[in-house]
Amino acid sequence: MNIGKGVINLQITSWEQWLDTLGTALAIAQAMKMPKKLLTKSAAELGDFLFDTIDPDVPENRLLKNLWQIADNREREALAGLMIKLVEKKNTH
């Protein structure tokens, strides 16, 4: 991880690596029996933090950041929920 000019670089080098990172966080939250609604709300809050502090390393994450930038709060929660579903689907295959 590199920190400079108020931006954090997590050195994510692929979309798959990003999904694996999210999968790990999701597994921890689910092991703690976090309710789905709270999980989605927390994921949206994390998205806000990442939007402000992360310079995306891969094109897919740049797209997510661009979508996050134009989305309202409801749409951001929907995006967060979709990312959760994507990670869940990836982890079951």
PDB file of N, CA and C in Angstrom:
ATOM      1  N   MET A   1       0.853  -1.169   0.000  1.00  0.00           N
ATOM      2  CA  MET A   1       0.000   0.000   0.000  1.00  0.00           C
ATOM      3  C   MET A   1       0.896   1.228   0.000  1.00  0.00           C
ATOM      4  N   ASN A   2       0.599   2.158  -0.882  1.00  0.00           N
ATOM      5  CA  ASN A   2       1.316   3.428  -0.939  1.00  0.00           C
ATOM      6  C   ASN A   2       0.349   4.556  -0.607  1.00  0.00           C
ATOM      7  N   ILE A   3       0.829   5.527   0.167  1.00  0.00           N
ATOM      8  CA  ILE A   3       0.012   6.686   0.510  1.00  0.00           C
ATOM      9  C   ILE A   3       0.770   7.926   0.069  1.00  0.00           C
ATOM     10  N   GLY A   4       0.116   8.760  -0.710  1.00  0.00           N
ATOM     11  CA  GLY A   4       0.734   9.987  -1.165  1.00  0.00           C
ATOM     12  C   GLY A   4      -0.304  10.947  -1.681  1.00  0.00           C
ATOM     13  N   LYS A   5      -0.108  12.225  -1.418  1.00  0.00           N
ATOM     14  CA  LYS A   5      -1.007  13.276  -1.878  1.00  0.00           C
ATOM     15  C   LYS A   5      -2.456  13.003  -1.484  1.00  0.00           C
ATOM     16  N   GLY A   6      -2.675  12.405  -0.307  1.00  0.00           N
ATOM     17  CA  GLY A   6      -4.022  12.160   0.181  1.00  0.00           C
ATOM     18  C   GLY A   6      -4.740  11.020  -0.504  1.00  0.00           C
ATOM     19  N   VAL A   7      -4.024  10.258  -1.352  1.00  0.00           N
ATOM     20  CA  VAL A   7      -4.623   9.143  -2.069  1.00  0.00           C
ATOM     21  C   VAL A   7      -3.889   7.867  -1.690  1.00  0.00           C
ATOM     22  N   ILE A   8      -4.645   6.807  -1.455  1.00  0.00           N
ATOM     23  CA  ILE A   8      -4.069   5.512  -1.108  1.00  0.00           C
ATOM     24  C   ILE A   8      -4.061   4.625  -2.342  1.00  0.00           C
ATOM     25  N   ASN A   9      -2.949   3.942  -2.584  1.00  0.00           N
ATOM     26  CA  ASN A   9      -2.853   2.974  -3.664  1.00  0.00           C
ATOM     27  C   ASN A   9      -2.722   1.600  -3.025  1.00  0.00           C
ATOM     28  N   LEU A  10      -3.752   0.757  -3.150  1.00  0.00           N
ATOM     29  CA  LEU A  10      -3.729  -0.569  -2.543  1.00  0.00           C
ATOM     30  C   LEU A  10      -2.945  -1.578  -3.372  1.00  0.00           C
ATOM     31  N   GLN A  11      -2.467  -1.170  -4.525  1.00  0.00           N
ATOM     32  CA  GLN A  11      -1.715  -2.021  -5.429  1.00  0.00           C
ATOM     33  C   GLN A  11      -2.508  -3.256  -5.834  1.00  0.00           C
ATOM     34  N   ILE A  12      -3.767  -3.042  -6.139  1.00  0.00           N
ATOM     35  CA  ILE A  12      -4.608  -4.089  -6.706  1.00  0.00           C
ATOM     36  C   ILE A  12      -4.262  -4.131  -8.194  1.00  0.00           C
ATOM     37  N   THR A  13      -3.842  -5.285  -8.663  1.00  0.00           N
ATOM     38  CA  THR A  13      -3.359  -5.372 -10.041  1.00  0.00           C
ATOM     39  C   THR A  13      -4.308  -6.075 -10.992  1.00  0.00           C
ATOM     40  N   SER A  14      -5.439  -6.584 -10.460  1.00  0.00           N
ATOM     41  CA  SER A  14      -6.415  -7.230 -11.338  1.00  0.00           C
ATOM     42  C   SER A  14      -7.803  -7.162 -10.706  1.00  0.00           C
ATOM     43  N   TRP A  15      -8.796  -7.293 -11.549  1.00  0.00           N
ATOM     44  CA  TRP A  15     -10.179  -7.326 -11.090  1.00  0.00           C
ATOM     45  C   TRP A  15     -10.396  -8.520 -10.168  1.00  0.00           C
ATOM     46  N   GLU A  16      -9.822  -9.664 -10.515  1.00  0.00           N
ATOM     47  CA  GLU A  16      -9.950 -10.869  -9.690  1.00  0.00           C
ATOM     48  C   GLU A  16      -9.360 -10.651  -8.295  1.00  0.00           C
ATOM     49  N   GLN A  17      -8.226  -9.972  -8.228  1.00  0.00           N
ATOM     50  CA  GLN A  17      -7.616  -9.684  -6.926  1.00  0.00           C
ATOM     51  C   GLN A  17      -8.543  -8.796  -6.097  1.00  0.00           C
ATOM     52  N   TRP A  18      -9.168  -7.819  -6.735  1.00  0.00           N
ATOM     53  CA  TRP A  18     -10.105  -6.936  -6.049  1.00  0.00           C
ATOM     54  C   TRP A  18     -11.298  -7.729  -5.517  1.00  0.00           C
ATOM     55  N   LEU A  19     -11.853  -8.617  -6.359  1.00  0.00           N
ATOM     56  CA  LEU A  19     -12.983  -9.435  -5.918  1.00  0.00           C
ATOM     57  C   LEU A  19     -12.584 -10.357  -4.769  1.00  0.00           C
ATOM     58  N   ASP A  20     -11.370 -10.889  -4.815  1.00  0.00           N
ATOM     59  CA  ASP A  20     -10.896 -11.730  -3.713  1.00  0.00           C
ATOM     60  C   ASP A  20     -10.780 -10.929  -2.418  1.00  0.00           C
ATOM     61  N   THR A  21     -10.295  -9.700  -2.517  1.00  0.00           N
ATOM     62  CA  THR A  21     -10.175  -8.827  -1.344  1.00  0.00           C
ATOM     63  C   THR A  21     -11.557  -8.543  -0.756  1.00  0.00           C
ATOM     64  N   LEU A  22     -12.506  -8.225  -1.633  1.00  0.00           N
ATOM     65  CA  LEU A  22     -13.878  -7.995  -1.173  1.00  0.00           C
ATOM     66  C   LEU A  22     -14.478  -9.270  -0.588  1.00  0.00           C
ATOM     67  N   GLY A  23     -14.168 -10.403  -1.187  1.00  0.00           N
ATOM     68  CA  GLY A  23     -14.669 -11.683  -0.701  1.00  0.00           C
ATOM     69  C   GLY A  23     -14.203 -11.978   0.708  1.00  0.00           C
ATOM     70  N   THR A  24     -12.950 -11.661   0.999  1.00  0.00           N
ATOM     71  CA  THR A  24     -12.415 -11.860   2.345  1.00  0.00           C
ATOM     72  C   THR A  24     -13.171 -11.001   3.355  1.00  0.00           C
ATOM     73  N   ALA A  25     -13.374  -9.723   3.003  1.00  0.00           N
ATOM     74  CA  ALA A  25     -14.105  -8.815   3.897  1.00  0.00           C
ATOM     75  C   ALA A  25     -15.545  -9.286   4.079  1.00  0.00           C
ATOM     76  N   LEU A  26     -16.167  -9.743   3.009  1.00  0.00           N
ATOM     77  CA  LEU A  26     -17.545 -10.220   3.078  1.00  0.00           C
ATOM     78  C   LEU A  26     -17.641 -11.464   3.966  1.00  0.00           C
ATOM     79  N   ALA A  27     -16.698 -12.371   3.835  1.00  0.00           N
ATOM     80  CA  ALA A  27     -16.707 -13.586   4.651  1.00  0.00           C
ATOM     81  C   ALA A  27     -16.599 -13.254   6.134  1.00  0.00           C
ATOM     82  N   ILE A  28     -15.786 -12.281   6.463  1.00  0.00           N
ATOM     83  CA  ILE A  28     -15.641 -11.865   7.865  1.00  0.00           C
ATOM     84  C   ILE A  28     -16.962 -11.288   8.377  1.00  0.00           C
ATOM     85  N   ALA A  29     -17.576 -10.408   7.582  1.00  0.00           N
ATOM     86  CA  ALA A  29     -18.854  -9.802   7.990  1.00  0.00           C
ATOM     87  C   ALA A  29     -19.939 -10.864   8.145  1.00  0.00           C
ATOM     88  N   GLN A  30     -19.971 -11.822   7.239  1.00  0.00           N
ATOM     89  CA  GLN A  30     -20.983 -12.878   7.324  1.00  0.00           C
ATOM     90  C   GLN A  30     -20.722 -13.798   8.520  1.00  0.00           C
ATOM     91  N   ALA A  31     -19.455 -14.059   8.822  1.00  0.00           N
ATOM     92  CA  ALA A  31     -19.119 -14.889   9.988  1.00  0.00           C
ATOM     93  C   ALA A  31     -19.558 -14.205  11.281  1.00  0.00           C
ATOM     94  N   MET A  32     -19.579 -12.867  11.259  1.00  0.00           N
ATOM     95  CA  MET A  32     -20.030 -12.101  12.416  1.00  0.00           C
ATOM     96  C   MET A  32     -21.552 -11.980  12.444  1.00  0.00           C
ATOM     97  N   LYS A  33     -22.221 -12.638  11.481  1.00  0.00           N
ATOM     98  CA  LYS A  33     -23.691 -12.636  11.379  1.00  0.00           C
ATOM     99  C   LYS A  33     -24.251 -11.223  11.163  1.00  0.00           C
ATOM    100  N   MET A  34     -23.517 -10.409  10.412  1.00  0.00           N
ATOM    101  CA  MET A  34     -23.980  -9.061  10.109  1.00  0.00           C
ATOM    102  C   MET A  34     -25.226  -9.148   9.222  1.00  0.00           C
ATOM    103  N   PRO A  35     -26.316  -8.485   9.597  1.00  0.00           N
ATOM    104  CA  PRO A  35     -27.528  -8.508   8.774  1.00  0.00           C
ATOM    105  C   PRO A  35     -27.253  -7.928   7.377  1.00  0.00           C
ATOM    106  N   LYS A  36     -27.940  -8.479   6.369  1.00  0.00           N
ATOM    107  CA  LYS A  36     -27.721  -8.076   4.971  1.00  0.00           C
ATOM    108  C   LYS A  36     -27.887  -6.571   4.776  1.00  0.00           C
ATOM    109  N   LYS A  37     -28.910  -5.982   5.379  1.00  0.00           N
ATOM    110  CA  LYS A  37     -29.152  -4.544   5.210  1.00  0.00           C
ATOM    111  C   LYS A  37     -27.995  -3.730   5.793  1.00  0.00           C
ATOM    112  N   LEU A  38     -27.504  -4.122   6.957  1.00  0.00           N
ATOM    113  CA  LEU A  38     -26.369  -3.438   7.566  1.00  0.00           C
ATOM    114  C   LEU A  38     -25.109  -3.649   6.735  1.00  0.00           C
ATOM    115  N   LEU A  39     -24.955  -4.845   6.193  1.00  0.00           N
ATOM    116  CA  LEU A  39     -23.806  -5.142   5.345  1.00  0.00           C
ATOM    117  C   LEU A  39     -23.800  -4.244   4.111  1.00  0.00           C
ATOM    118  N   THR A  40     -24.947  -4.096   3.479  1.00  0.00           N
ATOM    119  CA  THR A  40     -25.051  -3.248   2.289  1.00  0.00           C
ATOM    120  C   THR A  40     -24.784  -1.785   2.638  1.00  0.00           C
ATOM    121  N   LYS A  41     -25.341  -1.318   3.756  1.00  0.00           N
ATOM    122  CA  LYS A  41     -25.118   0.059   4.183  1.00  0.00           C
ATOM    123  C   LYS A  41     -23.638   0.278   4.501  1.00  0.00           C
ATOM    124  N   SER A  42     -23.024  -0.678   5.165  1.00  0.00           N
ATOM    125  CA  SER A  42     -21.597  -0.567   5.492  1.00  0.00           C
ATOM    126  C   SER A  42     -20.743  -0.591   4.231  1.00  0.00           C
ATOM    127  N   ALA A  43     -21.137  -1.423   3.270  1.00  0.00           N
ATOM    128  CA  ALA A  43     -20.403  -1.481   2.007  1.00  0.00           C
ATOM    129  C   ALA A  43     -20.497  -0.146   1.270  1.00  0.00           C
ATOM    130  N   ALA A  44     -21.653   0.498   1.335  1.00  0.00           N
ATOM    131  CA  ALA A  44     -21.808   1.810   0.703  1.00  0.00           C
ATOM    132  C   ALA A  44     -20.946   2.857   1.408  1.00  0.00           C
ATOM    133  N   GLU A  45     -20.882   2.792   2.726  1.00  0.00           N
ATOM    134  CA  GLU A  45     -20.024   3.728   3.469  1.00  0.00           C
ATOM    135  C   GLU A  45     -18.552   3.489   3.141  1.00  0.00           C
ATOM    136  N   LEU A  46     -18.171   2.222   3.001  1.00  0.00           N
ATOM    137  CA  LEU A  46     -16.803   1.906   2.589  1.00  0.00           C
ATOM    138  C   LEU A  46     -16.552   2.446   1.180  1.00  0.00           C
ATOM    139  N   GLY A  47     -17.551   2.308   0.314  1.00  0.00           N
ATOM    140  CA  GLY A  47     -17.431   2.860  -1.039  1.00  0.00           C
ATOM    141  C   GLY A  47     -17.170   4.351  -1.022  1.00  0.00           C
ATOM    142  N   ASP A  48     -17.846   5.075  -0.126  1.00  0.00           N
ATOM    143  CA  ASP A  48     -17.607   6.518   0.003  1.00  0.00           C
ATOM    144  C   ASP A  48     -16.158   6.786   0.393  1.00  0.00           C
ATOM    145  N   PHE A  49     -15.660   6.023   1.357  1.00  0.00           N
ATOM    146  CA  PHE A  49     -14.268   6.181   1.795  1.00  0.00           C
ATOM    147  C   PHE A  49     -13.309   5.877   0.645  1.00  0.00           C
ATOM    148  N   LEU A  50     -13.540   4.766  -0.054  1.00  0.00           N
ATOM    149  CA  LEU A  50     -12.650   4.389  -1.158  1.00  0.00           C
ATOM    150  C   LEU A  50     -12.688   5.424  -2.272  1.00  0.00           C
ATOM    151  N   PHE A  51     -13.881   5.968  -2.547  1.00  0.00           N
ATOM    152  CA  PHE A  51     -14.007   6.988  -3.583  1.00  0.00           C
ATOM    153  C   PHE A  51     -13.116   8.187  -3.277  1.00  0.00           C
ATOM    154  N   ASP A  52     -13.079   8.569  -2.000  1.00  0.00           N
ATOM    155  CA  ASP A  52     -12.304   9.746  -1.592  1.00  0.00           C
ATOM    156  C   ASP A  52     -10.805   9.477  -1.493  1.00  0.00           C
ATOM    157  N   THR A  53     -10.397   8.229  -1.284  1.00  0.00           N
ATOM    158  CA  THR A  53      -8.996   7.979  -0.943  1.00  0.00           C
ATOM    159  C   THR A  53      -8.232   7.046  -1.882  1.00  0.00           C
ATOM    160  N   ILE A  54      -8.915   6.333  -2.765  1.00  0.00           N
ATOM    161  CA  ILE A  54      -8.244   5.329  -3.586  1.00  0.00           C
ATOM    162  C   ILE A  54      -8.132   5.802  -5.031  1.00  0.00           C
ATOM    163  N   ASP A  55      -6.951   5.629  -5.581  1.00  0.00           N
ATOM    164  CA  ASP A  55      -6.729   5.841  -7.005  1.00  0.00           C
ATOM    165  C   ASP A  55      -6.755   4.454  -7.646  1.00  0.00           C
ATOM    166  N   PRO A  56      -7.825   4.117  -8.384  1.00  0.00           N
ATOM    167  CA  PRO A  56      -7.974   2.760  -8.907  1.00  0.00           C
ATOM    168  C   PRO A  56      -6.809   2.334  -9.796  1.00  0.00           C
ATOM    169  N   ASP A  57      -6.382   1.076  -9.601  1.00  0.00           N
ATOM    170  CA  ASP A  57      -5.263   0.515 -10.352  1.00  0.00           C
ATOM    171  C   ASP A  57      -5.700  -0.220 -11.610  1.00  0.00           C
ATOM    172  N   VAL A  58      -6.958  -0.639 -11.665  1.00  0.00           N
ATOM    173  CA  VAL A  58      -7.429  -1.428 -12.804  1.00  0.00           C
ATOM    174  C   VAL A  58      -8.653  -0.755 -13.429  1.00  0.00           C
ATOM    175  N   PRO A  59      -8.861  -0.957 -14.728  1.00  0.00           N
ATOM    176  CA  PRO A  59      -9.957  -0.268 -15.435  1.00  0.00           C
ATOM    177  C   PRO A  59     -11.337  -0.505 -14.819  1.00  0.00           C
ATOM    178  N   GLU A  60     -11.611  -1.722 -14.356  1.00  0.00           N
ATOM    179  CA  GLU A  60     -12.924  -2.015 -13.774  1.00  0.00           C
ATOM    180  C   GLU A  60     -13.164  -1.175 -12.518  1.00  0.00           C
ATOM    181  N   ASN A  61     -12.138  -0.986 -11.724  1.00  0.00           N
ATOM    182  CA  ASN A  61     -12.285  -0.165 -10.521  1.00  0.00           C
ATOM    183  C   ASN A  61     -12.418   1.303 -10.868  1.00  0.00           C
ATOM    184  N   ARG A  62     -11.771   1.733 -11.940  1.00  0.00           N
ATOM    185  CA  ARG A  62     -11.939   3.117 -12.403  1.00  0.00           C
ATOM    186  C   ARG A  62     -13.393   3.321 -12.818  1.00  0.00           C
ATOM    187  N   LEU A  63     -13.982   2.341 -13.507  1.00  0.00           N
ATOM    188  CA  LEU A  63     -15.394   2.431 -13.890  1.00  0.00           C
ATOM    189  C   LEU A  63     -16.279   2.526 -12.656  1.00  0.00           C
ATOM    190  N   LEU A  64     -16.018   1.681 -11.653  1.00  0.00           N
ATOM    191  CA  LEU A  64     -16.805   1.754 -10.413  1.00  0.00           C
ATOM    192  C   LEU A  64     -16.691   3.133  -9.773  1.00  0.00           C
ATOM    193  N   LYS A  65     -15.500   3.687  -9.769  1.00  0.00           N
ATOM    194  CA  LYS A  65     -15.309   5.022  -9.178  1.00  0.00           C
ATOM    195  C   LYS A  65     -16.100   6.064  -9.957  1.00  0.00           C
ATOM    196  N   ASN A  66     -16.090   5.970 -11.291  1.00  0.00           N
ATOM    197  CA  ASN A  66     -16.844   6.918 -12.110  1.00  0.00           C
ATOM    198  C   ASN A  66     -18.346   6.784 -11.859  1.00  0.00           C
ATOM    199  N   LEU A  67     -18.842   5.552 -11.737  1.00  0.00           N
ATOM    200  CA  LEU A  67     -20.260   5.346 -11.429  1.00  0.00           C
ATOM    201  C   LEU A  67     -20.600   5.891 -10.044  1.00  0.00           C
ATOM    202  N   TRP A  68     -19.704   5.649  -9.085  1.00  0.00           N
ATOM    203  CA  TRP A  68     -19.920   6.119  -7.708  1.00  0.00           C
ATOM    204  C   TRP A  68     -20.020   7.641  -7.695  1.00  0.00           C
ATOM    205  N   GLN A  69     -19.212   8.281  -8.498  1.00  0.00           N
ATOM    206  CA  GLN A  69     -19.160   9.743  -8.522  1.00  0.00           C
ATOM    207  C   GLN A  69     -20.493  10.352  -8.956  1.00  0.00           C
ATOM    208  N   ILE A  70     -21.182   9.714  -9.868  1.00  0.00           N
ATOM    209  CA  ILE A  70     -22.430  10.294 -10.382  1.00  0.00           C
ATOM    210  C   ILE A  70     -23.674   9.769  -9.677  1.00  0.00           C
ATOM    211  N   ALA A  71     -23.513   8.756  -8.826  1.00  0.00           N
ATOM    212  CA  ALA A  71     -24.658   8.130  -8.158  1.00  0.00           C
ATOM    213  C   ALA A  71     -25.102   8.921  -6.930  1.00  0.00           C
ATOM    214  N   ASP A  72     -26.410   8.871  -6.660  1.00  0.00           N
ATOM    215  CA  ASP A  72     -26.907   9.422  -5.398  1.00  0.00           C
ATOM    216  C   ASP A  72     -26.793   8.323  -4.335  1.00  0.00           C
ATOM    217  N   ASN A  73     -27.182   8.615  -3.098  1.00  0.00           N
ATOM    218  CA  ASN A  73     -27.024   7.655  -2.001  1.00  0.00           C
ATOM    219  C   ASN A  73     -27.757   6.341  -2.249  1.00  0.00           C
ATOM    220  N   ARG A  74     -28.959   6.411  -2.776  1.00  0.00           N
ATOM    221  CA  ARG A  74     -29.729   5.199  -3.055  1.00  0.00           C
ATOM    222  C   ARG A  74     -29.023   4.361  -4.111  1.00  0.00           C
ATOM    223  N   GLU A  75     -28.536   5.005  -5.142  1.00  0.00           N
ATOM    224  CA  GLU A  75     -27.826   4.297  -6.204  1.00  0.00           C
ATOM    225  C   GLU A  75     -26.503   3.712  -5.704  1.00  0.00           C
ATOM    226  N   ARG A  76     -25.846   4.421  -4.796  1.00  0.00           N
ATOM    227  CA  ARG A  76     -24.605   3.895  -4.216  1.00  0.00           C
ATOM    228  C   ARG A  76     -24.869   2.641  -3.399  1.00  0.00           C
ATOM    229  N   GLU A  77     -25.962   2.634  -2.639  1.00  0.00           N
ATOM    230  CA  GLU A  77     -26.316   1.423  -1.896  1.00  0.00           C
ATOM    231  C   GLU A  77     -26.636   0.284  -2.856  1.00  0.00           C
ATOM    232  N   ALA A  78     -27.287   0.614  -3.981  1.00  0.00           N
ATOM    233  CA  ALA A  78     -27.583  -0.417  -4.982  1.00  0.00           C
ATOM    234  C   ALA A  78     -26.282  -0.974  -5.579  1.00  0.00           C
ATOM    235  N   LEU A  79     -25.337  -0.103  -5.897  1.00  0.00           N
ATOM    236  CA  LEU A  79     -24.036  -0.559  -6.412  1.00  0.00           C
ATOM    237  C   LEU A  79     -23.318  -1.438  -5.392  1.00  0.00           C
ATOM    238  N   ALA A  80     -23.350  -1.026  -4.146  1.00  0.00           N
ATOM    239  CA  ALA A  80     -22.710  -1.815  -3.085  1.00  0.00           C
ATOM    240  C   ALA A  80     -23.376  -3.183  -2.987  1.00  0.00           C
ATOM    241  N   GLY A  81     -24.694  -3.212  -3.054  1.00  0.00           N
ATOM    242  CA  GLY A  81     -25.418  -4.479  -3.008  1.00  0.00           C
ATOM    243  C   GLY A  81     -25.079  -5.373  -4.186  1.00  0.00           C
ATOM    244  N   LEU A  82     -24.933  -4.769  -5.358  1.00  0.00           N
ATOM    245  CA  LEU A  82     -24.551  -5.547  -6.538  1.00  0.00           C
ATOM    246  C   LEU A  82     -23.144  -6.119  -6.406  1.00  0.00           C
ATOM    247  N   MET A  83     -22.241  -5.356  -5.832  1.00  0.00           N
ATOM    248  CA  MET A  83     -20.877  -5.863  -5.632  1.00  0.00           C
ATOM    249  C   MET A  83     -20.893  -7.038  -4.653  1.00  0.00           C
ATOM    250  N   ILE A  84     -21.725  -6.938  -3.617  1.00  0.00           N
ATOM    251  CA  ILE A  84     -21.851  -8.049  -2.667  1.00  0.00           C
ATOM    252  C   ILE A  84     -22.359  -9.292  -3.396  1.00  0.00           C
ATOM    253  N   LYS A  85     -23.394  -9.127  -4.220  1.00  0.00           N
ATOM    254  CA  LYS A  85     -23.938 -10.263  -4.964  1.00  0.00           C
ATOM    255  C   LYS A  85     -22.898 -10.856  -5.911  1.00  0.00           C
ATOM    256  N   LEU A  86     -22.120  -9.995  -6.558  1.00  0.00           N
ATOM    257  CA  LEU A  86     -21.081 -10.464  -7.473  1.00  0.00           C
ATOM    258  C   LEU A  86     -20.044 -11.306  -6.739  1.00  0.00           C
ATOM    259  N   VAL A  87     -19.618 -10.834  -5.588  1.00  0.00           N
ATOM    260  CA  VAL A  87     -18.627 -11.566  -4.793  1.00  0.00           C
ATOM    261  C   VAL A  87     -19.212 -12.876  -4.283  1.00  0.00           C
ATOM    262  N   GLU A  88     -20.465 -12.853  -3.824  1.00  0.00           N
ATOM    263  CA  GLU A  88     -21.116 -14.081  -3.360  1.00  0.00           C
ATOM    264  C   GLU A  88     -21.201 -15.108  -4.493  1.00  0.00           C
ATOM    265  N   LYS A  89     -21.567 -14.649  -5.675  1.00  0.00           N
ATOM    266  CA  LYS A  89     -21.681 -15.558  -6.823  1.00  0.00           C
ATOM    267  C   LYS A  89     -20.309 -16.132  -7.175  1.00  0.00           C
ATOM    268  N   LYS A  90     -19.290 -15.300  -7.166  1.00  0.00           N
ATOM    269  CA  LYS A  90     -17.925 -15.757  -7.476  1.00  0.00           C
ATOM    270  C   LYS A  90     -17.472 -16.795  -6.470  1.00  0.00           C
ATOM    271  N   ASN A  91     -17.809 -16.595  -5.204  1.00  0.00           N
ATOM    272  CA  ASN A  91     -17.367 -17.500  -4.150  1.00  0.00           C
ATOM    273  C   ASN A  91     -18.112 -18.829  -4.150  1.00  0.00           C
ATOM    274  N   THR A  92     -19.241 -18.909  -4.842  1.00  0.00           N
ATOM    275  CA  THR A  92     -19.979 -20.174  -4.891  1.00  0.00           C
ATOM    276  C   THR A  92     -19.632 -20.989  -6.128  1.00  0.00           C
ATOM    277  N   HIS A  93     -18.833 -20.441  -7.018  1.00  0.00           N
ATOM    278  CA  HIS A  93     -18.436 -21.180  -8.234  1.00  0.00           C
ATOM    279  C   HIS A  93     -16.995 -21.577  -8.203  1.00  0.00           C
TER     280      HIS A  93
END
